[in-house]
Amino acid sequence: MPPNVVYAPIYLESPNERFVNLLNPRIAAHDFSRIFTTLRAYRPEAVIGMYVIHAYPLILLKRILGFSLFSLVSGSDLALHKGIVWSLVRRAVFRNCLTVFTVAAKFNAQIEKESGRQGIVVSTGTNPDYYTPLPNKADLRMKYNLGVDDFVVLSLGSLVQVKCVDDVIRAVKIIHSEYSNTKLIIAGDGPQRSELVRLCSELNVDCTFMGYVGEAVKRELFNIADVYVLASYSEGMPFSVMEAMSCGCVCVCTDVGDLSELIKDSVNGFLIAPRDPNLIALKIREIMSLSEPESRTMRNMARQTVLEKYDFRKLTKEMVMVMEEKISSRNR
């Protein structure tokens, strides 16, 4: 991390997939209070919103506190937050940013459509000091009513069509007759939740729906899971996969977006074609068949990939150089 950069993350309550949350006075007061307190303590010259939808409170506060605003487009903030209201929120953020960063070139078209400007493509990453393998995983499993011998499949994200969580459920159904100790955890919320609950009931799949989870719970889930499955048919460079890999969790992901840059198939995880529950089941069986040394090697390789290439502290340097140049140019 550059010496002039402070990492002070602020996790908001309001952008939990529903615009109505922005209108909740308690949530709005909570979010503005946390942001204002942090910014007043550090008095930064620049602030970056690591998720466009989270950056909306900074539009007002940047005028009060006098900092320059930057934001990062990760992909899900475009794909999952559709409709005119979210488009207006993003447009307001984009137009108030000195620069917009994006994790993939393909997002520039939508950024330009909504704001009339091009994004700057940068790599992204996660915090491997926070998302890290935790000790006492047996105790963690007890916390979530799981046995040491249970094989835990995790799906985490918004419960929307593009995430194809139904494919994960069908895959678990395929392998359950052979591996009865398979447990499925679905974390996240969204419009498909009732449909997915019904599907689990119809297929008799042992599944725990966690709803929306915070960062601490998410880290624990990545640590207790034997495999994290991302079955989307469209992605950019999802943070959740980097976070899971950083925790040493084996990932099975569809080969979409930029995921092939992150995962080397059968080395630090697995890549599959989208919309095929049978392929997901096949890869889960393959992971089940790994010996302990083979499994440990793959988990270690997953974490090592993040440490070497996707540690946000290293990647932030590139963004900081651009931010300093933009601020300097504006002040000339």
Protein backbone atom coordinates (compact mmCIF):
# COMPACT_ATOMS: atom_id res chain seq x y z
CA MET A 1 0.00 0.00 0.00
CA PRO A 2 1.48 3.40 -0.93
CA PRO A 3 2.36 5.48 2.14
CA ASN A 4 -0.12 8.21 1.24
CA VAL A 5 -3.05 5.78 1.00
CA VAL A 6 -5.21 4.73 3.94
CA TYR A 7 -7.35 1.59 3.75
CA ALA A 8 -10.49 2.40 5.75
CA PRO A 9 -13.35 0.32 4.30
CA ILE A 10 -16.93 1.41 4.98
CA TYR A 11 -19.61 -1.23 4.40
CA LEU A 12 -23.06 0.22 3.74
CA GLU A 13 -26.48 -1.21 4.56
CA SER A 14 -28.51 0.63 1.93
CA PRO A 15 -27.49 -0.94 -1.40
CA ASN A 16 -28.74 -4.43 -0.50
CA GLU A 17 -30.22 -4.95 -3.98
CA ARG A 18 -33.30 -2.83 -3.24
CA PHE A 19 -33.63 0.84 -4.05
CA VAL A 20 -36.26 1.21 -1.32
CA ASN A 21 -33.45 0.79 1.22
CA LEU A 22 -32.05 4.11 0.06
CA LEU A 23 -35.26 5.73 1.30
CA ASN A 24 -35.16 4.16 4.76
CA PRO A 25 -34.27 6.99 7.21
CA ARG A 26 -32.54 4.65 9.68
CA ILE A 27 -30.38 3.03 7.00
CA ALA A 28 -29.60 6.35 5.33
CA ALA A 29 -28.61 7.91 8.69
CA HIS A 30 -26.44 4.89 9.51
CA ASP A 31 -24.61 5.01 6.17
CA PHE A 32 -24.04 8.76 6.09
CA SER A 33 -22.90 8.71 9.73
CA ARG A 34 -20.31 5.97 9.12
CA ILE A 35 -19.00 7.63 5.99
CA PHE A 36 -18.88 11.13 7.47
CA THR A 37 -17.15 9.94 10.65
CA THR A 38 -14.47 8.11 8.68
CA LEU A 39 -13.86 10.93 6.22
CA ARG A 40 -13.73 13.57 8.94
CA ALA A 41 -11.13 11.50 10.79
CA TYR A 42 -8.81 11.15 7.78
CA ARG A 43 -9.61 14.30 5.77
CA PRO A 44 -8.64 12.61 2.48
CA GLU A 45 -7.78 14.42 -0.72
CA ALA A 46 -9.40 11.61 -2.72
CA VAL A 47 -11.88 8.81 -2.02
CA ILE A 48 -12.63 5.78 -4.18
CA GLY A 49 -15.96 3.98 -4.16
CA MET A 50 -15.08 0.33 -4.77
CA TYR A 51 -18.64 -0.38 -5.93
CA VAL A 52 -20.52 2.24 -7.91
CA ILE A 53 -23.86 1.71 -6.16
CA HIS A 54 -22.16 2.24 -2.78
CA ALA A 55 -20.67 5.57 -3.86
CA TYR A 56 -23.87 7.62 -4.02
CA PRO A 57 -23.55 9.21 -0.50
CA LEU A 58 -20.10 10.49 -1.47
CA ILE A 59 -21.62 12.84 -4.07
CA LEU A 60 -22.94 15.16 -1.35
CA LEU A 61 -20.08 14.66 1.09
CA LYS A 62 -17.40 15.48 -1.47
CA ARG A 63 -18.87 18.97 -1.74
CA ILE A 64 -18.88 19.38 2.05
CA LEU A 65 -15.44 17.91 2.75
CA GLY A 66 -13.71 18.90 -0.49
CA PHE A 67 -12.25 15.60 -1.70
CA SER A 68 -12.03 14.25 -5.25
CA LEU A 69 -14.26 11.27 -5.98
CA PHE A 70 -13.28 8.18 -7.97
CA SER A 71 -15.24 4.95 -8.44
CA LEU A 72 -14.70 1.40 -9.62
CA VAL A 73 -17.10 -0.59 -11.82
CA SER A 74 -16.79 -4.30 -11.00
CA GLY A 75 -19.52 -5.64 -13.28
CA SER A 76 -22.27 -6.78 -10.93
CA ASP A 77 -23.10 -3.14 -10.20
CA LEU A 78 -24.08 -2.92 -13.88
CA ALA A 79 -25.52 -6.39 -14.49
CA LEU A 80 -27.54 -6.78 -11.28
CA HIS A 81 -28.80 -3.24 -10.74
CA LYS A 82 -30.86 -2.65 -13.85
CA GLY A 83 -33.72 -0.25 -14.45
CA ILE A 84 -34.05 3.50 -14.68
CA VAL A 85 -33.63 4.24 -10.96
CA TRP A 86 -30.30 2.44 -10.60
CA SER A 87 -29.19 3.90 -13.93
CA LEU A 88 -29.84 7.39 -12.55
CA VAL A 89 -27.88 6.56 -9.38
CA ARG A 90 -24.91 5.35 -11.42
CA ARG A 91 -25.13 8.32 -13.77
CA ALA A 92 -25.00 10.72 -10.84
CA VAL A 93 -21.96 8.91 -9.41
CA PHE A 94 -20.15 8.78 -12.76
CA ARG A 95 -20.70 12.47 -13.45
CA ASN A 96 -19.35 13.42 -10.03
CA CYS A 97 -16.21 11.30 -10.39
CA LEU A 98 -12.92 12.72 -11.54
CA THR A 99 -12.21 9.29 -13.06
CA VAL A 100 -14.10 6.01 -13.36
CA PHE A 101 -12.13 2.76 -13.18
CA THR A 102 -13.44 -0.55 -14.47
CA VAL A 103 -12.19 -4.13 -14.13
CA ALA A 104 -12.96 -5.10 -17.75
CA ALA A 105 -13.00 -3.26 -21.08
CA LYS A 106 -16.45 -4.62 -21.96
CA PHE A 107 -18.06 -2.40 -19.31
CA ASN A 108 -16.86 0.80 -20.93
CA ALA A 109 -19.76 0.84 -23.40
CA GLN A 110 -22.36 1.04 -20.63
CA ILE A 111 -20.31 3.55 -18.66
CA GLU A 112 -20.11 5.74 -21.75
CA LYS A 113 -23.83 5.31 -22.46
CA GLU A 114 -24.80 6.40 -18.95
CA SER A 115 -22.22 9.13 -18.38
CA GLY A 116 -20.69 10.07 -21.73
CA ARG A 117 -17.20 9.08 -20.59
CA GLN A 118 -14.82 6.15 -20.90
CA GLY A 119 -13.58 4.16 -17.93
CA ILE A 120 -9.94 3.29 -17.29
CA VAL A 121 -9.40 -0.46 -17.16
CA VAL A 122 -7.48 -1.70 -14.11
CA SER A 123 -7.05 -5.03 -12.40
CA THR A 124 -8.87 -5.48 -9.12
CA GLY A 125 -8.26 -7.54 -6.02
CA THR A 126 -9.13 -8.34 -2.45
CA ASN A 127 -7.57 -8.11 1.01
CA PRO A 128 -5.76 -11.41 1.72
CA ASP A 129 -5.12 -10.35 5.31
CA TYR A 130 -8.87 -10.34 5.96
CA TYR A 131 -9.95 -13.08 3.58
CA THR A 132 -7.61 -15.71 4.93
CA PRO A 133 -7.79 -19.35 6.09
CA LEU A 134 -9.15 -19.38 9.65
CA PRO A 135 -8.16 -21.78 12.44
CA ASN A 136 -10.54 -24.16 14.23
CA LYS A 137 -12.69 -24.95 11.20
CA ALA A 138 -14.38 -27.77 13.12
CA ASP A 139 -15.67 -25.19 15.60
CA LEU A 140 -16.79 -22.99 12.74
CA ARG A 141 -18.75 -25.87 11.26
CA MET A 142 -20.45 -26.50 14.60
CA LYS A 143 -21.49 -22.84 14.62
CA TYR A 144 -23.38 -23.45 11.36
CA ASN A 145 -24.76 -26.86 12.46
CA LEU A 146 -22.47 -28.76 10.10
CA GLY A 147 -20.56 -31.95 10.78
CA VAL A 148 -16.85 -32.46 10.21
CA ASP A 149 -17.63 -35.09 7.56
CA ASP A 150 -20.23 -33.03 5.70
CA PHE A 151 -19.24 -31.94 2.20
CA VAL A 152 -20.28 -28.29 1.96
CA VAL A 153 -21.16 -26.64 -1.35
CA LEU A 154 -21.47 -22.86 -1.17
CA SER A 155 -23.22 -20.47 -3.54
CA LEU A 156 -22.99 -16.78 -2.65
CA GLY A 157 -24.40 -13.79 -4.46
CA SER A 158 -27.58 -12.09 -5.56
CA LEU A 159 -30.46 -14.47 -6.19
CA VAL A 160 -31.17 -13.33 -9.72
CA GLN A 161 -31.44 -15.16 -13.02
CA VAL A 162 -27.95 -14.32 -14.31
CA LYS A 163 -26.37 -16.10 -11.31
CA CYS A 164 -27.98 -19.45 -12.28
CA VAL A 165 -28.24 -20.65 -8.67
CA ASP A 166 -30.85 -23.16 -9.84
CA ASP A 167 -28.04 -24.95 -11.72
CA VAL A 168 -26.14 -25.34 -8.44
CA ILE A 169 -29.21 -26.80 -6.75
CA ARG A 170 -29.75 -29.27 -9.61
CA ALA A 171 -26.07 -30.26 -9.48
CA VAL A 172 -26.29 -31.02 -5.75
CA LYS A 173 -29.38 -33.11 -6.44
CA ILE A 174 -27.43 -35.14 -9.02
CA ILE A 175 -24.66 -36.03 -6.57
CA HIS A 176 -26.80 -36.35 -3.43
CA SER A 177 -27.90 -39.94 -4.07
CA GLU A 178 -24.23 -40.98 -4.17
CA TYR A 179 -22.94 -38.59 -1.47
CA SER A 180 -25.70 -38.17 1.10
CA ASN A 181 -23.54 -36.00 3.35
CA THR A 182 -23.55 -33.16 0.80
CA LYS A 183 -24.88 -29.90 2.24
CA LEU A 184 -25.72 -26.82 0.21
CA ILE A 185 -25.51 -23.28 1.58
CA ILE A 186 -26.96 -20.40 -0.43
CA ALA A 187 -26.02 -16.94 0.83
CA GLY A 188 -27.55 -13.84 -0.67
CA ASP A 189 -30.97 -12.42 -1.40
CA GLY A 190 -32.96 -11.37 -4.41
CA PRO A 191 -36.16 -11.83 -6.41
CA GLN A 192 -35.54 -15.53 -7.14
CA ARG A 193 -35.32 -16.60 -3.49
CA SER A 194 -38.87 -18.02 -3.16
CA GLU A 195 -38.47 -19.84 -6.48
CA LEU A 196 -35.17 -21.37 -5.38
CA VAL A 197 -36.58 -22.39 -1.99
CA ARG A 198 -39.41 -24.13 -3.81
CA LEU A 199 -36.96 -25.89 -6.15
CA CYS A 200 -34.97 -27.24 -3.19
CA SER A 201 -38.17 -28.54 -1.66
CA GLU A 202 -39.29 -30.19 -4.90
CA LEU A 203 -35.89 -31.85 -5.43
CA ASN A 204 -35.44 -32.70 -1.74
CA VAL A 205 -32.07 -30.92 -1.61
CA ASP A 206 -30.65 -30.24 1.86
CA CYS A 207 -30.09 -26.49 1.62
CA THR A 208 -29.67 -23.64 4.09
CA PHE A 209 -30.68 -20.20 2.83
CA MET A 210 -28.63 -17.61 4.71
CA GLY A 211 -30.06 -14.45 3.17
CA TYR A 212 -27.83 -11.40 2.83
CA VAL A 213 -24.59 -11.83 4.82
CA GLY A 214 -21.95 -9.35 5.94
CA GLU A 215 -18.22 -9.56 5.42
CA ALA A 216 -17.45 -11.50 8.63
CA VAL A 217 -20.01 -14.20 7.90
CA LYS A 218 -18.92 -14.37 4.28
CA ARG A 219 -15.34 -15.04 5.36
CA GLU A 220 -16.50 -17.83 7.67
CA LEU A 221 -18.59 -19.41 4.91
CA PHE A 222 -15.62 -19.46 2.52
CA ASN A 223 -13.65 -21.19 5.26
CA ILE A 224 -16.19 -23.94 6.01
CA ALA A 225 -17.03 -24.63 2.36
CA ASP A 226 -15.38 -27.52 0.51
CA VAL A 227 -16.26 -25.89 -2.81
CA TYR A 228 -17.55 -22.50 -3.87
CA VAL A 229 -19.66 -22.59 -7.05
CA LEU A 230 -20.26 -19.55 -9.25
CA ALA A 231 -22.58 -20.66 -12.05
CA SER A 232 -23.34 -17.28 -13.70
CA TYR A 233 -23.73 -16.91 -17.44
CA SER A 234 -22.32 -13.37 -17.27
CA GLU A 235 -19.62 -11.88 -15.01
CA GLY A 236 -16.76 -9.42 -15.03
CA MET A 237 -14.07 -10.21 -12.47
CA PRO A 238 -16.14 -11.18 -9.40
CA PHE A 239 -14.80 -10.22 -6.00
CA SER A 240 -16.43 -13.26 -4.41
CA VAL A 241 -14.19 -15.69 -6.30
CA MET A 242 -11.04 -13.81 -5.30
CA GLU A 243 -12.27 -13.74 -1.69
CA ALA A 244 -13.02 -17.46 -1.72
CA MET A 245 -9.64 -18.31 -3.25
CA SER A 246 -7.90 -16.07 -0.74
CA CYS A 247 -9.54 -18.13 2.02
CA GLY A 248 -8.17 -21.30 0.40
CA CYS A 249 -11.54 -22.49 -0.92
CA VAL A 250 -11.66 -24.54 -4.14
CA CYS A 251 -13.83 -22.77 -6.75
CA VAL A 252 -15.89 -24.14 -9.62
CA CYS A 253 -16.78 -21.25 -11.93
CA THR A 254 -18.29 -20.80 -15.35
CA ASP A 255 -15.78 -19.66 -17.96
CA VAL A 256 -17.28 -16.21 -18.52
CA GLY A 257 -16.01 -12.65 -18.25
CA ASP A 258 -12.41 -12.50 -17.10
CA LEU A 259 -12.52 -15.57 -14.86
CA SER A 260 -10.06 -17.45 -17.06
CA GLU A 261 -7.44 -14.87 -16.04
CA LEU A 262 -8.02 -15.73 -12.39
CA ILE A 263 -8.52 -19.50 -12.53
CA LYS A 264 -6.23 -21.97 -14.26
CA ASP A 265 -8.40 -25.02 -14.80
CA SER A 266 -7.55 -28.01 -12.59
CA VAL A 267 -4.63 -26.11 -11.03
CA ASN A 268 -6.11 -23.53 -8.64
CA GLY A 269 -9.78 -24.24 -9.34
CA PHE A 270 -12.09 -25.40 -12.12
CA LEU A 271 -13.70 -23.72 -15.13
CA ILE A 272 -16.84 -25.05 -16.83
CA ALA A 273 -19.30 -24.03 -19.52
CA PRO A 274 -22.39 -22.17 -18.25
CA ARG A 275 -25.89 -23.58 -17.86
CA ASP A 276 -24.91 -27.20 -17.32
CA PRO A 277 -25.72 -28.71 -13.87
CA ASN A 278 -24.17 -32.00 -14.97
CA LEU A 279 -20.78 -30.31 -15.44
CA ILE A 280 -21.04 -28.71 -12.00
CA ALA A 281 -21.83 -32.12 -10.50
CA LEU A 282 -18.91 -33.68 -12.39
CA LYS A 283 -16.45 -31.13 -10.99
CA ILE A 284 -17.82 -31.47 -7.46
CA ARG A 285 -17.30 -35.24 -7.70
CA GLU A 286 -13.76 -34.59 -8.93
CA ILE A 287 -13.07 -32.39 -5.91
CA MET A 288 -14.54 -35.04 -3.62
CA SER A 289 -12.17 -37.61 -5.10
CA LEU A 290 -9.02 -35.56 -4.44
CA SER A 291 -6.64 -36.91 -1.85
CA GLU A 292 -5.87 -34.66 1.11
CA PRO A 293 -2.45 -33.66 -0.31
CA GLU A 294 -4.02 -32.92 -3.72
CA SER A 295 -6.80 -30.90 -2.14
CA ARG A 296 -4.36 -28.98 0.06
CA THR A 297 -2.16 -28.19 -2.95
CA MET A 298 -5.11 -26.80 -4.90
CA ARG A 299 -6.28 -24.71 -1.95
CA ASN A 300 -2.77 -23.35 -1.47
CA MET A 301 -2.48 -22.57 -5.18
CA ALA A 302 -5.77 -20.68 -5.05
CA ARG A 303 -4.57 -18.47 -2.21
CA GLN A 304 -1.14 -18.03 -3.77
CA THR A 305 -2.77 -16.72 -6.96
CA VAL A 306 -4.46 -13.97 -4.97
CA LEU A 307 -1.31 -13.14 -3.02
CA GLU A 308 0.76 -12.83 -6.19
CA LYS A 309 -1.65 -11.18 -8.60
CA TYR A 310 -4.80 -9.95 -6.86
CA ASP A 311 -3.69 -8.41 -3.57
CA PHE A 312 -5.61 -5.12 -3.69
CA ARG A 313 -2.79 -3.33 -1.86
CA LYS A 314 -0.47 -3.94 -4.81
CA LEU A 315 -3.10 -3.19 -7.42
CA THR A 316 -4.09 0.02 -5.65
CA LYS A 317 -0.72 1.52 -6.58
CA GLU A 318 -1.73 1.65 -10.24
CA MET A 319 -4.98 3.39 -9.39
CA VAL A 320 -3.24 5.84 -7.05
CA MET A 321 -0.83 6.89 -9.80
CA VAL A 322 -3.77 7.68 -12.08
CA MET A 323 -5.62 9.50 -9.28
CA GLU A 324 -2.60 11.64 -8.43
CA GLU A 325 -2.14 12.56 -12.08
CA LYS A 326 -5.83 13.50 -12.48
CA ILE A 327 -5.84 15.61 -9.30
CA SER A 328 -2.60 17.31 -10.32
CA SER A 329 -3.93 18.08 -13.81
CA ARG A 330 -7.14 19.52 -12.38
CA ASN A 331 -5.25 21.79 -9.98
CA ARG A 332 -2.91 23.25 -12.61
